[in-house]
N, C-alpha and C. Protein backbone atom coordinates (compact mmCIF):
# COMPACT_ATOMS: atom_id res chain seq x y z
N MET A 1 -4.85 0.80 -20.05
CA MET A 1 -2.93 1.24 -19.79
C MET A 1 -2.54 -0.28 -18.35
N SER A 2 -1.70 -0.26 -19.50
CA SER A 2 -0.65 -1.29 -18.49
C SER A 2 -0.05 -1.00 -18.38
N VAL A 3 0.72 -2.54 -17.19
CA VAL A 3 1.10 -1.91 -15.89
C VAL A 3 2.51 -2.91 -16.61
N GLN A 4 3.18 -2.19 -16.47
CA GLN A 4 4.89 -2.45 -16.90
C GLN A 4 5.67 -2.88 -15.41
N ARG A 5 6.21 -4.57 -15.92
CA ARG A 5 7.15 -4.53 -14.50
C ARG A 5 8.37 -4.49 -14.75
N PRO A 6 8.70 -3.55 -13.53
CA PRO A 6 10.22 -3.93 -12.96
C PRO A 6 11.63 -4.38 -14.24
N LEU A 7 11.77 -4.16 -13.89
CA LEU A 7 13.30 -5.03 -14.28
C LEU A 7 13.59 -5.54 -13.86
N ASN A 8 14.37 -5.47 -12.10
CA ASN A 8 14.89 -5.39 -11.69
C ASN A 8 13.97 -5.39 -10.19
N HIS A 9 13.41 -6.89 -9.22
CA HIS A 9 12.17 -5.63 -8.52
C HIS A 9 13.05 -5.63 -7.76
N GLN A 10 14.60 -5.91 -7.34
CA GLN A 10 14.84 -5.89 -5.85
C GLN A 10 15.14 -3.74 -6.14
N TYR A 11 14.87 -3.35 -7.04
CA TYR A 11 15.58 -2.19 -6.75
C TYR A 11 14.48 -1.19 -6.36
N TYR A 12 12.92 -1.76 -6.27
CA TYR A 12 12.09 -1.29 -5.57
C TYR A 12 11.54 -2.12 -4.12
N SER A 13 12.23 -2.68 -3.90
CA SER A 13 12.36 -2.19 -2.07
C SER A 13 12.27 -1.66 -1.26
N VAL A 14 11.05 -1.60 -0.21
CA VAL A 14 10.76 -0.69 0.73
C VAL A 14 12.02 -0.42 1.07
N ILE A 15 12.66 -1.37 1.40
CA ILE A 15 13.80 -1.37 2.98
C ILE A 15 14.75 -0.56 2.38
N ALA A 16 15.03 0.66 3.27
CA ALA A 16 15.66 1.91 3.02
C ALA A 16 17.10 1.59 3.28
N THR A 17 18.04 2.33 2.93
CA THR A 17 19.34 2.24 3.02
C THR A 17 19.58 3.15 4.66
N GLU A 18 19.26 4.15 4.42
CA GLU A 18 18.74 5.42 5.45
C GLU A 18 17.00 5.44 5.43
N PRO A 19 16.94 5.62 7.71
CA PRO A 19 16.25 5.92 7.87
C PRO A 19 15.25 6.95 7.00
N ASN A 20 14.12 7.34 6.78
CA ASN A 20 13.01 8.51 6.22
C ASN A 20 13.55 8.28 4.83
N GLN A 21 13.77 7.42 4.49
CA GLN A 21 14.24 7.98 2.80
C GLN A 21 13.02 7.37 1.90
N GLN A 22 12.72 7.90 0.17
CA GLN A 22 11.48 7.44 -0.10
C GLN A 22 11.98 5.55 -0.66
N PRO A 23 10.71 5.18 -0.59
CA PRO A 23 11.42 4.27 -1.80
C PRO A 23 11.01 3.86 -2.98
N SER A 24 11.66 3.59 -4.36
CA SER A 24 11.39 3.67 -5.50
C SER A 24 10.49 3.72 -5.58
N LEU A 25 9.27 3.01 -5.48
CA LEU A 25 8.15 2.40 -5.75
C LEU A 25 7.75 4.58 -6.45
N ALA A 26 7.75 4.70 -5.05
CA ALA A 26 7.38 5.80 -5.09
C ALA A 26 7.37 7.67 -5.98
N ALA A 27 7.85 6.94 -6.90
CA ALA A 27 8.64 7.52 -8.11
C ALA A 27 7.04 7.49 -8.78
N LEU A 28 6.75 6.42 -8.96
CA LEU A 28 5.13 5.87 -9.28
C LEU A 28 4.33 5.97 -9.61
N LEU A 29 4.30 6.55 -8.08
CA LEU A 29 3.15 7.60 -6.89
C LEU A 29 2.49 8.99 -7.54
N PRO A 30 1.21 9.81 -7.55
CA PRO A 30 0.82 10.99 -7.94
C PRO A 30 1.93 11.16 -7.04
N GLN A 31 1.86 12.82 -6.97
CA GLN A 31 2.52 13.47 -5.97
C GLN A 31 1.60 14.03 -4.91
N PRO A 32 0.51 13.96 -4.69
CA PRO A 32 0.33 13.64 -3.07
C PRO A 32 0.50 12.93 -2.39
N LEU A 33 0.43 11.22 -2.17
CA LEU A 33 0.81 10.01 -2.15
C LEU A 33 2.73 9.91 -1.44
N ARG A 34 3.31 10.88 -3.08
CA ARG A 34 4.68 10.71 -2.88
C ARG A 34 5.21 11.83 -1.46
N GLY A 35 4.90 11.89 -0.47
CA GLY A 35 5.07 12.31 0.34
C GLY A 35 5.11 11.34 1.93
N HIS A 36 4.06 10.83 1.94
CA HIS A 36 3.23 9.96 3.18
C HIS A 36 4.10 8.28 2.18
N CYS A 37 4.69 8.22 1.53
CA CYS A 37 5.81 7.01 1.54
C CYS A 37 7.53 6.90 1.08
N GLN A 38 7.79 6.13 3.05
CA GLN A 38 8.84 6.65 3.35
C GLN A 38 8.87 4.94 3.54
N ALA A 39 9.87 5.03 3.23
CA ALA A 39 10.87 3.72 3.47
C ALA A 39 10.92 2.94 4.45
N VAL A 40 11.09 1.53 5.20
CA VAL A 40 11.49 0.71 5.64
C VAL A 40 12.05 1.13 6.53
N PRO A 41 12.40 1.83 7.78
CA PRO A 41 14.59 1.47 8.68
C PRO A 41 14.95 -0.12 8.37
N VAL A 42 16.23 0.04 7.81
CA VAL A 42 16.62 -0.95 8.01
C VAL A 42 16.57 -1.88 9.72
N ASP A 43 16.82 -1.56 10.08
CA ASP A 43 16.10 -1.57 11.54
C ASP A 43 15.59 -1.45 12.47
N ALA A 44 14.63 -1.29 11.71
CA ALA A 44 12.33 -1.19 11.95
C ALA A 44 11.99 -2.92 12.71
N ASP A 45 11.15 -2.51 13.46
CA ASP A 45 10.69 -3.92 14.14
C ASP A 45 9.93 -3.62 13.97
N ARG A 46 9.45 -4.95 13.79
CA ARG A 46 8.10 -6.10 13.62
C ARG A 46 6.48 -4.77 13.02
N ASP A 47 6.89 -4.04 14.53
CA ASP A 47 5.43 -3.25 14.96
C ASP A 47 5.70 -2.09 14.22
N SER A 48 6.63 -1.81 14.40
CA SER A 48 7.26 -0.32 13.49
C SER A 48 6.41 -0.52 12.05
N ALA A 49 7.54 -1.58 11.53
CA ALA A 49 7.34 -1.59 10.26
C ALA A 49 5.76 -1.31 9.88
N TYR A 50 5.27 -2.80 10.50
CA TYR A 50 3.15 -2.86 9.66
C TYR A 50 2.41 -1.43 10.20
N ARG A 51 3.61 -0.51 10.98
CA ARG A 51 2.58 0.27 11.80
C ARG A 51 3.30 1.49 10.23
N ILE A 52 4.60 1.33 9.31
CA ILE A 52 4.44 2.39 8.47
C ILE A 52 3.88 1.82 6.99
N GLY A 53 2.56 0.55 7.11
CA GLY A 53 2.55 0.06 5.98
C GLY A 53 1.00 0.62 6.15
N ARG A 54 0.30 0.43 7.41
CA ARG A 54 -0.51 0.91 7.48
C ARG A 54 -0.80 2.44 7.18
N GLU A 55 -0.07 3.73 7.75
CA GLU A 55 -0.23 4.74 7.79
C GLU A 55 -0.17 5.21 5.78
N PHE A 56 0.72 3.81 5.76
CA PHE A 56 1.36 4.27 3.68
C PHE A 56 -0.59 3.89 3.21
N SER A 57 -1.17 2.73 3.69
CA SER A 57 -2.17 2.52 3.02
C SER A 57 -3.57 3.83 3.30
N SER A 58 -3.72 4.33 5.16
CA SER A 58 -4.11 5.45 5.05
C SER A 58 -4.50 6.50 3.77
N HIS A 59 -3.23 6.80 3.80
CA HIS A 59 -3.06 7.89 2.65
C HIS A 59 -3.36 7.43 1.70
N TYR A 60 -2.99 5.98 1.35
CA TYR A 60 -3.79 5.73 0.10
C TYR A 60 -5.26 5.78 -0.53
N ILE A 61 -5.35 5.90 0.69
CA ILE A 61 -7.39 5.26 1.35
C ILE A 61 -7.71 6.78 1.05
N GLU A 62 -7.41 7.68 1.33
CA GLU A 62 -7.89 9.19 1.67
C GLU A 62 -7.40 9.71 0.45
N TYR A 63 -6.28 9.52 -0.81
CA TYR A 63 -6.63 9.83 -2.13
C TYR A 63 -7.29 9.19 -2.84
N VAL A 64 -7.51 7.99 -2.38
CA VAL A 64 -8.56 6.63 -3.39
C VAL A 64 -9.52 8.02 -3.78
N LEU A 65 -10.39 7.98 -2.30
CA LEU A 65 -11.96 8.85 -1.83
C LEU A 65 -11.75 10.38 -2.54
N ALA A 66 -10.20 11.57 -2.59
CA ALA A 66 -10.40 13.10 -2.60
C ALA A 66 -9.86 12.74 -3.99
N HIS A 67 -10.15 11.81 -5.11
CA HIS A 67 -9.70 11.46 -6.34
C HIS A 67 -10.46 10.23 -6.94
N PRO A 68 -11.72 10.76 -7.78
CA PRO A 68 -12.63 9.03 -7.37
C PRO A 68 -12.72 8.80 -8.61
N SER A 69 -11.75 9.13 -9.64
CA SER A 69 -11.30 8.70 -10.67
C SER A 69 -10.21 7.76 -10.92
N ALA A 70 -9.35 7.64 -9.77
CA ALA A 70 -7.99 7.30 -9.60
C ALA A 70 -7.95 6.08 -9.96
N PRO A 71 -8.99 5.06 -9.59
CA PRO A 71 -9.25 3.73 -9.74
C PRO A 71 -9.19 3.09 -11.21
N ASN A 72 -9.17 4.06 -11.80
CA ASN A 72 -9.66 4.02 -13.32
C ASN A 72 -7.92 3.96 -13.82
N ASP A 73 -6.93 4.34 -12.72
CA ASP A 73 -5.69 4.67 -12.94
C ASP A 73 -4.61 3.35 -12.86
N SER A 74 -4.90 2.72 -12.20
CA SER A 74 -4.41 1.62 -11.51
C SER A 74 -3.58 1.24 -10.97
N LEU A 75 -4.13 2.06 -9.51
CA LEU A 75 -2.70 2.64 -8.75
C LEU A 75 -1.71 1.02 -8.17
N LEU A 76 -3.87 0.59 -7.32
CA LEU A 76 -3.47 0.15 -6.60
C LEU A 76 -2.31 -1.03 -7.48
N ALA A 77 -2.87 -1.26 -8.26
CA ALA A 77 -2.37 -2.33 -9.19
C ALA A 77 -0.98 -2.29 -9.66
N ARG A 78 -0.34 -0.92 -9.96
CA ARG A 78 0.86 -0.22 -9.97
C ARG A 78 1.69 -0.70 -8.85
N ILE A 79 1.34 -0.52 -7.87
CA ILE A 79 1.95 -0.40 -6.02
C ILE A 79 1.71 -1.73 -6.30
N ALA A 80 1.19 -2.49 -6.67
CA ALA A 80 0.95 -3.71 -6.57
C ALA A 80 2.62 -4.64 -7.41
N GLU A 81 2.64 -4.49 -8.39
CA GLU A 81 4.04 -5.32 -9.41
C GLU A 81 5.22 -5.16 -7.96
N HIS A 82 5.09 -3.55 -7.00
CA HIS A 82 5.95 -3.97 -6.33
C HIS A 82 6.93 -4.41 -5.82
N VAL A 83 5.53 -5.15 -5.14
CA VAL A 83 5.89 -5.03 -3.57
C VAL A 83 6.58 -7.06 -3.59
N ASP A 84 6.87 -7.26 -2.73
CA ASP A 84 7.46 -8.94 -2.23
C ASP A 84 6.67 -9.73 -1.37
N PHE A 85 5.22 -10.35 -2.06
CA PHE A 85 4.62 -10.81 -1.51
C PHE A 85 5.59 -11.90 -0.61
N ALA A 86 6.39 -12.36 -0.48
CA ALA A 86 7.30 -14.01 -0.14
C ALA A 86 8.22 -12.99 1.23
N ALA A 87 8.73 -12.04 1.15
CA ALA A 87 10.01 -10.90 1.82
C ALA A 87 8.93 -10.94 2.99
N GLN A 88 10.93 -10.98 4.16
CA GLN A 88 10.89 -11.61 5.14
C GLN A 88 11.22 -10.26 5.69
N GLY A 89 10.22 -9.78 7.29
CA GLY A 89 11.37 -8.85 8.06
C GLY A 89 10.57 -7.67 7.81
N PRO A 90 11.29 -6.22 7.78
CA PRO A 90 10.25 -5.31 7.99
C PRO A 90 9.79 -4.77 6.37
N GLU A 91 10.40 -5.38 5.05
CA GLU A 91 9.36 -4.86 4.63
C GLU A 91 7.83 -6.50 3.99
N GLY A 92 8.41 -7.68 4.79
CA GLY A 92 6.53 -7.82 4.66
C GLY A 92 6.18 -7.47 5.51
N ASP A 93 6.61 -7.10 6.36
CA ASP A 93 6.40 -6.19 7.78
C ASP A 93 5.18 -5.15 6.59
N TYR A 94 5.88 -4.44 6.39
CA TYR A 94 4.85 -2.98 6.33
C TYR A 94 4.27 -3.43 5.63
N TRP A 95 4.46 -4.34 4.29
CA TRP A 95 3.75 -4.62 3.57
C TRP A 95 2.01 -5.55 3.43
N ALA A 96 2.53 -6.41 4.75
CA ALA A 96 1.44 -6.83 5.56
C ALA A 96 0.32 -5.69 6.12
N GLY A 97 0.81 -4.85 7.12
CA GLY A 97 -0.06 -4.05 7.22
C GLY A 97 -0.59 -3.17 6.48
N PHE A 98 0.19 -2.25 5.56
CA PHE A 98 -0.61 -1.69 3.84
C PHE A 98 -2.19 -2.94 3.26
N PHE A 99 -1.49 -4.39 3.92
CA PHE A 99 -2.12 -4.18 2.77
C PHE A 99 -3.61 -5.09 4.49
N SER A 100 -3.69 -4.66 5.05
CA SER A 100 -4.64 -5.35 5.99
C SER A 100 -5.42 -4.55 6.47
N LEU A 101 -5.06 -2.75 6.40
CA LEU A 101 -6.08 -2.44 6.13
C LEU A 101 -6.93 -2.06 5.55
N LEU A 102 -6.24 -1.84 3.70
CA LEU A 102 -7.30 -1.91 3.16
C LEU A 102 -8.34 -2.77 3.22
N GLU A 103 -7.47 -4.09 3.65
CA GLU A 103 -8.98 -5.55 3.82
C GLU A 103 -9.77 -4.84 5.69
N GLU A 104 -9.57 -4.30 6.01
CA GLU A 104 -10.71 -3.91 7.17
C GLU A 104 -11.02 -2.82 6.65
N VAL A 105 -11.19 -1.55 5.13
CA VAL A 105 -11.73 -1.79 5.45
C VAL A 105 -12.65 -1.07 4.14
N MET A 106 -12.77 -3.12 2.96
CA MET A 106 -12.81 -3.72 2.47
C MET A 106 -14.60 -4.51 3.41
N VAL A 107 -14.34 -4.71 4.23
CA VAL A 107 -15.08 -5.93 4.93
C VAL A 107 -16.00 -5.56 5.92
N ASN A 108 -15.34 -3.34 6.41
CA ASN A 108 -15.88 -2.94 6.41
C ASN A 108 -17.75 -2.59 5.15
N ALA A 109 -16.83 -2.10 4.75
CA ALA A 109 -17.75 -1.13 3.39
C ALA A 109 -18.98 -2.37 2.96
N VAL A 110 -18.78 -3.87 3.03
CA VAL A 110 -18.53 -4.89 2.87
C VAL A 110 -19.95 -5.06 4.39
N ASP A 111 -19.38 -4.87 4.67
CA ASP A 111 -20.22 -4.82 5.74
C ASP A 111 -21.41 -3.71 5.61
N SER A 112 -21.31 -3.06 5.72
CA SER A 112 -22.14 -1.26 5.60
C SER A 112 -23.17 -2.04 4.29
N PHE A 113 -22.83 -2.62 3.75
CA PHE A 113 -23.94 -3.08 2.62
C PHE A 113 -25.22 -4.23 2.75
N ASP A 114 -24.34 -5.25 3.31
CA ASP A 114 -25.01 -6.16 3.98
C ASP A 114 -25.74 -6.09 5.64
N ALA A 115 -26.17 -4.86 5.78
CA ALA A 115 -26.43 -4.50 7.10
C ALA A 115 -27.70 -4.60 6.90
N GLY A 116 -28.09 -4.86 5.36
CA GLY A 116 -30.03 -4.97 5.92
C GLY A 116 -30.51 -6.83 5.92
N GLY A 117 -29.51 -7.37 5.88
CA GLY A 117 -29.34 -9.11 6.22
C GLY A 117 -29.45 -9.57 4.57
N SER A 118 -29.28 -8.80 4.25
CA SER A 118 -29.15 -9.67 2.34
C SER A 118 -27.45 -10.39 1.88
N ASP A 119 -28.08 -11.61 1.56
CA ASP A 119 -26.37 -11.98 1.91
C ASP A 119 -25.43 -12.29 0.18
N SER A 120 -26.89 -10.78 -0.68
CA SER A 120 -24.83 -9.75 -1.33
C SER A 120 -25.03 -8.84 -1.21
N ILE A 121 -23.81 -9.16 -1.84
CA ILE A 121 -23.87 -7.06 -1.84
C ILE A 121 -24.63 -6.93 -3.31
N HIS A 122 -24.77 -7.38 -4.26
CA HIS A 122 -25.00 -6.79 -4.83
C HIS A 122 -26.66 -6.71 -5.87
């Protein structure tokens, strides 16, 4: 499956013009995740935007656990296609929260593999 890049990256911004509006990227998500993908209100403070990003990340993780074939759908890659990693303000804080929780989960998983004292997870 190939990932299609959006023609206009700004169209997919997670910043909402109205509070609680879904960002355009919600349309590419499976139905169970769409309801949890909320745009960050334009007046959100840093902590709120970060929290909203972590909250969506937790729903993404739950979805992947409940749907083991989801990694084959390249869902995370499709989400990442819509991320402006240079974004400042609430949008940047949202994505920082989203990816920080994913990173924490991965680090914890690697730590559990390495609990036996091995230097490698292979």
